[in-house]
N, C-alpha and C. Protein backbone atom coordinates (compact mmCIF):
# COMPACT_ATOMS: atom_id res chain seq x y z
N MET A 1 -14.06 65.72 112.24
CA MET A 1 -13.75 65.42 113.74
C MET A 1 -12.42 66.04 114.13
N ARG A 2 -11.44 65.99 113.17
CA ARG A 2 -10.18 66.57 113.60
C ARG A 2 -10.17 67.98 113.56
N LEU A 3 -10.98 68.76 112.97
CA LEU A 3 -11.13 70.15 112.98
C LEU A 3 -11.79 70.73 114.40
N LEU A 4 -12.79 69.88 114.79
CA LEU A 4 -13.26 70.08 116.24
C LEU A 4 -11.98 69.93 117.21
N LEU A 5 -11.39 68.88 117.10
CA LEU A 5 -10.27 68.59 118.09
C LEU A 5 -9.23 69.71 118.09
N GLU A 6 -9.00 70.28 117.01
CA GLU A 6 -7.88 71.18 116.92
C GLU A 6 -8.30 72.65 117.42
N ARG A 7 -9.70 72.87 117.47
CA ARG A 7 -9.88 74.04 117.89
C ARG A 7 -9.74 74.52 119.27
N PRO A 8 -9.46 75.66 119.63
CA PRO A 8 -8.89 76.24 120.88
C PRO A 8 -10.15 75.78 121.88
N PRO A 9 -9.63 75.56 123.32
CA PRO A 9 -10.59 75.20 124.25
C PRO A 9 -11.49 76.41 124.41
N SER A 10 -12.96 76.20 124.72
CA SER A 10 -13.71 77.27 125.01
C SER A 10 -14.84 76.80 125.99
N LEU A 11 -15.53 77.77 126.53
CA LEU A 11 -16.52 77.55 127.67
C LEU A 11 -17.55 76.67 127.22
N ARG A 12 -18.05 76.75 125.90
CA ARG A 12 -18.97 76.10 125.43
C ARG A 12 -18.64 75.45 124.08
N PRO A 13 -18.10 74.30 124.06
CA PRO A 13 -17.41 74.08 122.81
C PRO A 13 -18.50 73.09 121.99
N ARG A 14 -18.28 73.20 120.73
CA ARG A 14 -19.07 72.61 119.55
C ARG A 14 -18.95 71.16 119.86
N GLY A 15 -20.10 70.57 119.45
CA GLY A 15 -20.01 69.09 119.66
C GLY A 15 -20.27 68.44 118.25
N LEU A 16 -20.53 67.15 118.22
CA LEU A 16 -20.78 66.46 117.00
C LEU A 16 -21.59 65.15 117.35
N LEU A 17 -22.66 65.11 116.57
CA LEU A 17 -23.57 63.88 116.85
C LEU A 17 -23.35 63.12 115.39
N LEU A 18 -23.07 61.87 115.76
CA LEU A 18 -22.86 60.84 114.65
C LEU A 18 -24.16 59.88 114.77
N ALA A 19 -25.23 59.88 114.04
CA ALA A 19 -26.37 59.16 114.05
C ALA A 19 -26.61 58.31 112.73
N GLY A 20 -27.01 57.17 113.04
CA GLY A 20 -27.38 56.46 111.85
C GLY A 20 -28.02 54.95 112.43
N PRO A 21 -28.35 54.06 111.60
CA PRO A 21 -29.13 52.92 111.87
C PRO A 21 -28.17 52.01 112.67
N TYR A 22 -28.81 51.18 113.53
CA TYR A 22 -27.96 50.10 114.36
C TYR A 22 -27.15 49.22 113.38
N HIS A 23 -25.91 48.94 113.75
CA HIS A 23 -25.00 48.13 113.08
C HIS A 23 -24.53 48.91 111.79
N ASN A 24 -24.26 50.19 111.60
CA ASN A 24 -24.04 50.75 110.45
C ASN A 24 -22.42 51.25 110.49
N GLY A 25 -21.73 51.11 111.44
CA GLY A 25 -20.30 51.56 111.49
C GLY A 25 -20.05 52.85 112.30
N LYS A 26 -21.05 53.32 113.06
CA LYS A 26 -20.74 54.67 113.73
C LYS A 26 -19.61 54.42 114.76
N THR A 27 -19.75 53.31 115.60
CA THR A 27 -18.63 53.06 116.57
C THR A 27 -17.33 53.01 115.99
N MET A 28 -17.26 52.18 114.74
CA MET A 28 -16.01 52.08 114.15
C MET A 28 -15.30 53.40 113.62
N ILE A 29 -16.14 54.26 113.15
CA ILE A 29 -15.65 55.65 112.67
C ILE A 29 -15.18 56.27 113.94
N ALA A 30 -15.83 56.27 115.09
CA ALA A 30 -15.20 57.00 116.26
C ALA A 30 -14.04 56.32 116.78
N GLU A 31 -13.84 54.78 116.80
CA GLU A 31 -12.75 54.11 117.23
C GLU A 31 -11.45 54.53 116.14
N ARG A 32 -11.86 54.45 115.00
CA ARG A 32 -10.77 54.67 114.11
C ARG A 32 -10.16 56.17 114.35
N PHE A 33 -11.11 57.16 114.45
CA PHE A 33 -10.68 58.51 114.82
C PHE A 33 -9.78 58.56 115.88
N ALA A 34 -10.06 57.80 116.96
CA ALA A 34 -9.40 57.82 118.12
C ALA A 34 -7.91 57.25 118.08
N VAL A 35 -7.89 56.21 117.28
CA VAL A 35 -6.58 55.46 116.95
C VAL A 35 -5.68 56.37 116.23
N GLU A 36 -6.29 56.95 115.19
CA GLU A 36 -5.47 57.80 114.27
C GLU A 36 -4.84 59.06 115.20
N HIS A 37 -5.67 59.59 116.05
CA HIS A 37 -5.28 60.69 116.96
C HIS A 37 -4.26 60.21 117.74
N LEU A 38 -4.11 59.00 118.38
CA LEU A 38 -3.14 58.33 119.24
C LEU A 38 -1.72 58.29 118.29
N ARG A 39 -1.99 58.05 117.09
CA ARG A 39 -0.85 57.91 116.38
C ARG A 39 0.19 59.21 116.04
N VAL A 40 -0.60 60.19 116.30
CA VAL A 40 -0.03 61.53 115.91
C VAL A 40 0.12 62.59 117.20
N ALA A 41 -0.60 62.13 118.16
CA ALA A 41 -0.54 63.11 119.44
C ALA A 41 0.40 62.73 120.37
N ASP A 42 0.90 63.56 121.00
CA ASP A 42 1.87 63.30 122.35
C ASP A 42 1.02 62.98 123.54
N GLN A 43 -0.21 63.30 123.50
CA GLN A 43 -0.94 63.12 124.82
C GLN A 43 -2.40 62.72 124.24
N GLN A 44 -3.10 61.62 124.81
CA GLN A 44 -4.29 61.20 124.60
C GLN A 44 -5.37 62.15 124.81
N LYS A 45 -6.16 62.63 123.89
CA LYS A 45 -7.15 63.49 124.22
C LYS A 45 -8.66 63.18 123.76
N VAL A 46 -8.65 61.98 123.18
CA VAL A 46 -9.84 61.28 122.72
C VAL A 46 -10.07 59.93 123.35
N TRP A 47 -11.22 59.67 123.80
CA TRP A 47 -11.65 58.37 124.37
C TRP A 47 -12.89 57.88 123.85
N VAL A 48 -13.06 56.65 123.58
CA VAL A 48 -14.11 56.10 123.06
C VAL A 48 -14.59 55.17 124.26
N ILE A 49 -15.92 55.44 124.87
CA ILE A 49 -16.37 54.83 125.85
C ILE A 49 -17.76 54.02 125.48
N GLN A 50 -17.75 52.70 125.76
CA GLN A 50 -18.96 51.87 125.51
C GLN A 50 -19.76 51.79 126.65
N THR A 51 -20.94 52.01 126.46
CA THR A 51 -21.98 51.95 127.40
C THR A 51 -23.18 51.08 126.97
N ARG A 52 -23.94 50.55 127.92
CA ARG A 52 -25.06 49.81 127.41
C ARG A 52 -26.29 50.71 127.50
N GLU A 53 -27.18 50.46 126.48
CA GLU A 53 -28.34 51.26 126.27
C GLU A 53 -29.36 50.85 127.59
N GLY A 54 -29.87 51.91 128.07
CA GLY A 54 -30.87 51.85 129.20
C GLY A 54 -30.29 51.22 130.48
N ALA A 55 -29.02 51.30 130.76
CA ALA A 55 -28.51 50.85 131.94
C ALA A 55 -28.51 51.75 133.25
N GLY A 56 -28.94 52.81 133.01
CA GLY A 56 -28.92 53.83 134.24
C GLY A 56 -27.94 54.73 134.42
N LEU A 57 -28.16 55.78 135.02
CA LEU A 57 -27.07 56.79 135.15
C LEU A 57 -25.79 56.38 135.93
N SER A 58 -26.13 55.34 137.00
CA SER A 58 -24.83 55.05 137.69
C SER A 58 -23.91 54.19 136.97
N HIS A 59 -24.57 53.45 136.04
CA HIS A 59 -23.72 52.55 135.03
C HIS A 59 -22.96 53.33 134.01
N PHE A 60 -23.79 54.44 133.57
CA PHE A 60 -23.30 55.23 132.66
C PHE A 60 -21.94 55.99 133.19
N TYR A 61 -22.06 56.48 134.44
CA TYR A 61 -20.90 57.22 135.13
C TYR A 61 -19.90 56.19 135.52
N ALA A 62 -20.18 55.02 135.85
CA ALA A 62 -19.06 54.09 136.10
C ALA A 62 -18.53 53.61 134.75
N SER A 63 -19.16 53.62 133.64
CA SER A 63 -18.65 53.27 132.32
C SER A 63 -17.48 54.58 131.93
N ILE A 64 -17.89 55.67 132.26
CA ILE A 64 -16.99 56.77 132.09
C ILE A 64 -15.66 56.69 132.71
N LEU A 65 -15.80 56.35 134.02
CA LEU A 65 -14.55 56.36 134.97
C LEU A 65 -13.81 55.05 134.60
N SER A 66 -14.30 53.90 134.37
CA SER A 66 -13.75 52.76 133.70
C SER A 66 -13.01 53.12 132.42
N GLY A 67 -13.56 53.67 131.58
CA GLY A 67 -12.95 53.93 130.27
C GLY A 67 -11.84 54.91 130.38
N LEU A 68 -11.78 55.65 131.28
CA LEU A 68 -10.71 56.68 131.56
C LEU A 68 -9.67 55.97 132.36
N ARG A 69 -9.79 54.73 132.83
CA ARG A 69 -9.02 54.08 133.90
C ARG A 69 -8.76 54.98 135.04
N ALA A 70 -9.78 55.36 135.63
CA ALA A 70 -9.60 56.11 136.77
C ALA A 70 -9.74 55.29 138.08
N PRO A 71 -8.99 55.70 139.07
CA PRO A 71 -9.16 54.97 140.46
C PRO A 71 -10.71 55.40 140.95
N GLN A 72 -11.17 54.35 141.77
CA GLN A 72 -12.54 54.42 142.21
C GLN A 72 -13.05 55.67 142.87
N ALA A 73 -12.12 56.40 143.50
CA ALA A 73 -12.59 57.51 144.34
C ALA A 73 -12.28 58.86 143.50
N ALA A 74 -11.94 58.75 142.27
CA ALA A 74 -11.41 59.98 141.52
C ALA A 74 -12.79 60.87 141.33
N GLY A 75 -12.82 62.04 141.53
CA GLY A 75 -13.85 62.88 141.00
C GLY A 75 -13.59 63.48 139.74
N TRP A 76 -14.83 63.65 138.89
CA TRP A 76 -14.75 63.99 137.48
C TRP A 76 -13.94 65.22 137.04
N ARG A 77 -14.07 66.30 138.01
CA ARG A 77 -13.21 67.63 137.83
C ARG A 77 -11.86 67.30 137.72
N SER A 78 -11.41 66.75 138.91
CA SER A 78 -9.93 66.50 138.94
C SER A 78 -9.44 65.64 137.93
N LEU A 79 -10.08 64.49 137.58
CA LEU A 79 -9.80 63.68 136.42
C LEU A 79 -9.73 64.20 135.15
N SER A 80 -10.72 65.13 134.88
CA SER A 80 -10.76 65.77 133.47
C SER A 80 -9.55 66.74 133.35
N ARG A 81 -9.28 67.41 134.47
CA ARG A 81 -8.04 68.29 134.26
C ARG A 81 -6.76 67.64 134.18
N ALA A 82 -6.57 66.54 134.88
CA ALA A 82 -5.35 65.70 134.96
C ALA A 82 -5.16 65.18 133.51
N LEU A 83 -6.19 64.71 132.90
CA LEU A 83 -6.09 64.03 131.59
C LEU A 83 -6.10 64.97 130.35
N ALA A 84 -6.54 66.28 130.65
CA ALA A 84 -6.42 67.20 129.51
C ALA A 84 -7.64 66.79 128.45
N ILE A 85 -8.67 66.18 128.79
CA ILE A 85 -9.69 65.67 127.94
C ILE A 85 -10.24 66.67 127.09
N ARG A 86 -10.35 66.48 125.76
CA ARG A 86 -10.89 67.33 124.66
C ARG A 86 -12.12 66.65 124.17
N TRP A 87 -12.05 65.26 123.95
CA TRP A 87 -13.22 64.63 123.47
C TRP A 87 -13.57 63.40 124.23
N ILE A 88 -14.78 62.97 124.49
CA ILE A 88 -15.32 61.78 124.92
C ILE A 88 -16.38 61.35 123.89
N ILE A 89 -16.09 60.24 123.37
CA ILE A 89 -17.11 59.67 122.36
C ILE A 89 -17.99 58.62 123.15
N PHE A 90 -19.28 58.57 123.19
CA PHE A 90 -20.04 57.48 123.82
C PHE A 90 -20.55 56.55 122.72
N SER A 91 -20.67 55.32 122.89
CA SER A 91 -21.22 54.40 121.94
C SER A 91 -22.05 53.35 122.82
N SER A 92 -23.22 53.26 122.61
CA SER A 92 -24.05 52.25 123.25
C SER A 92 -23.84 50.88 122.50
N ALA A 93 -23.62 50.00 123.48
CA ALA A 93 -23.54 48.44 122.86
C ALA A 93 -24.63 47.68 122.67
């Protein structure tokens, strides 16, 4: 994960899928990576966002904005530029 984060920005960045059985520690791995990143980074570039499975697109979008601590009226493009986002990690609860 660290190597993907350190890559230069690109138009179509590579992604990572962490898959496994329910309650197998996937979210814990992602959260640990995010915390370790915060310890060494001068700016947060990794967010872990919890969503509910099957909650619908509007809830999914609202979870993203809430996880990024965005004002209600913020648009995604202006928000992503302002935060210099490199990674967003989604985990269903």
